[in-house]
Protein backbone atom coordinates (compact mmCIF):
# COMPACT_ATOMS: atom_id res chain seq x y z
CA MET A 1 -7.80 -7.95 0.61
CA ILE A 2 -7.10 -4.69 1.33
CA VAL A 3 -6.38 -2.12 -2.41
CA THR A 4 -5.45 1.19 -1.92
CA VAL A 5 -4.70 3.82 -4.91
CA ALA A 6 -1.91 6.45 -4.56
CA ARG A 7 -0.29 9.28 -6.40
CA VAL A 8 3.42 9.73 -6.40
CA ALA A 9 5.68 12.24 -7.55
CA HIS A 10 8.42 9.12 -7.95
CA PRO A 11 7.21 5.75 -8.79
CA ASP A 12 10.85 3.92 -8.53
CA ARG A 13 11.40 5.11 -5.08
CA PHE A 14 7.83 4.40 -4.26
CA VAL A 15 8.60 0.62 -5.37
CA GLU A 16 11.78 0.57 -3.91
CA VAL A 17 10.64 1.69 -0.50
CA PHE A 18 7.90 -0.39 -0.77
CA ARG A 19 9.52 -3.61 -1.05
CA THR A 20 12.19 -2.63 1.48
CA VAL A 21 11.61 -0.81 4.32
CA GLY A 22 7.45 -1.31 3.91
CA MET A 23 7.37 -4.73 3.24
CA THR A 24 9.43 -5.66 6.60
CA LYS A 25 6.98 -2.98 8.30
CA ARG A 26 4.05 -5.00 6.70
CA ARG A 27 5.43 -8.22 7.98
CA GLU A 28 5.62 -7.12 11.32
CA HIS A 29 2.00 -6.42 11.08
CA GLY A 30 0.75 -9.76 9.73
CA CYS A 31 0.54 -8.85 6.14
CA ARG A 32 0.55 -11.59 4.29
CA VAL A 33 1.36 -10.92 0.40
CA ALA A 34 1.33 -6.82 -1.27
CA ARG A 35 1.40 -6.45 -4.95
CA VAL A 36 1.82 -2.90 -6.56
CA TYR A 37 0.29 -2.59 -10.09
CA VAL A 38 0.73 0.66 -12.08
CA ASP A 39 -2.38 2.33 -13.77
CA PRO A 40 -2.04 1.81 -17.24
CA ASP A 41 -3.33 5.49 -17.76
CA ASP A 42 -0.77 7.19 -15.13
CA ALA A 43 2.41 6.08 -14.42
CA HIS A 44 2.30 8.14 -11.02
CA ARG A 45 -0.89 6.24 -10.20
CA MET A 46 -0.09 2.82 -8.07
CA TRP A 47 -2.29 0.51 -7.29
CA SER A 48 -1.41 -1.66 -4.32
CA VAL A 49 -3.05 -5.03 -3.28
CA PHE A 50 -2.87 -6.74 0.33
CA ASP A 51 -3.84 -9.99 1.81
CA TRP A 52 -4.68 -8.67 4.90
CA ASP A 53 -6.33 -8.72 7.94
CA GLU A 54 -7.98 -5.70 8.88
CA GLU A 55 -7.31 -5.83 12.38
CA ASP A 56 -3.77 -6.16 11.63
CA TYR A 57 -4.13 -3.37 9.05
CA GLU A 58 -5.18 -0.88 11.11
CA GLY A 59 -2.26 -1.82 13.62
CA PHE A 60 0.04 -1.03 10.97
CA LEU A 61 -1.52 2.17 10.43
CA ALA A 62 -1.01 2.76 13.99
CA ASP A 63 2.28 2.33 14.06
CA PRO A 64 4.26 4.96 14.83
CA GLU A 65 6.89 4.49 12.22
CA ILE A 66 4.48 4.51 9.51
CA PRO A 67 4.65 8.40 8.76
CA ALA A 68 8.29 8.49 8.25
CA ILE A 69 7.79 5.31 5.86
CA ALA A 70 4.90 7.06 4.03
CA ARG A 71 6.93 10.21 3.57
CA GLN A 72 9.75 8.02 1.74
CA LEU A 73 7.49 6.52 -0.54
CA SER A 74 7.04 10.00 -2.10
CA LEU A 75 3.04 10.54 -2.15
CA GLN A 76 1.30 13.45 -3.37
CA ALA A 77 -1.21 12.46 -0.96
CA PRO A 78 -2.40 9.74 1.37
CA PRO A 79 -3.46 6.85 -0.35
CA VAL A 80 -7.04 6.06 -0.92
CA HIS A 81 -8.80 2.94 -0.26
CA ALA A 82 -10.56 1.25 -2.83
CA VAL A 83 -14.06 -0.22 -1.75
CA ALA A 84 -14.76 -3.77 -3.37
CA VAL A 85 -18.60 -3.43 -4.60
CA VAL A 86 -19.29 -7.54 -4.43
CA GLU A 87 -17.19 -10.82 -3.81
CA LEU A 88 -17.94 -13.78 -5.46
CA ASP A 89 -16.57 -17.36 -5.30
CA ALA A 90 -15.33 -17.65 -8.66
């Protein structure tokens, strides 16, 4: 799992790009599932959760088309990776 947090100027625009152009590009790079959550304390902060292998994710980030897609997402700053503190079976 990969989790990122991003502050966006236009939440609706972020979701639209995430579910169209972003989905296509993520699939190309092996992402199995992606979810977006809106922070309950800030409607402009989006949490994205990906079922993605780290190697495939790194390939996605290196794709030359990603900067243009990122600009379409209305990001106010680059996404920040949330680091897991612990992983348990249940």
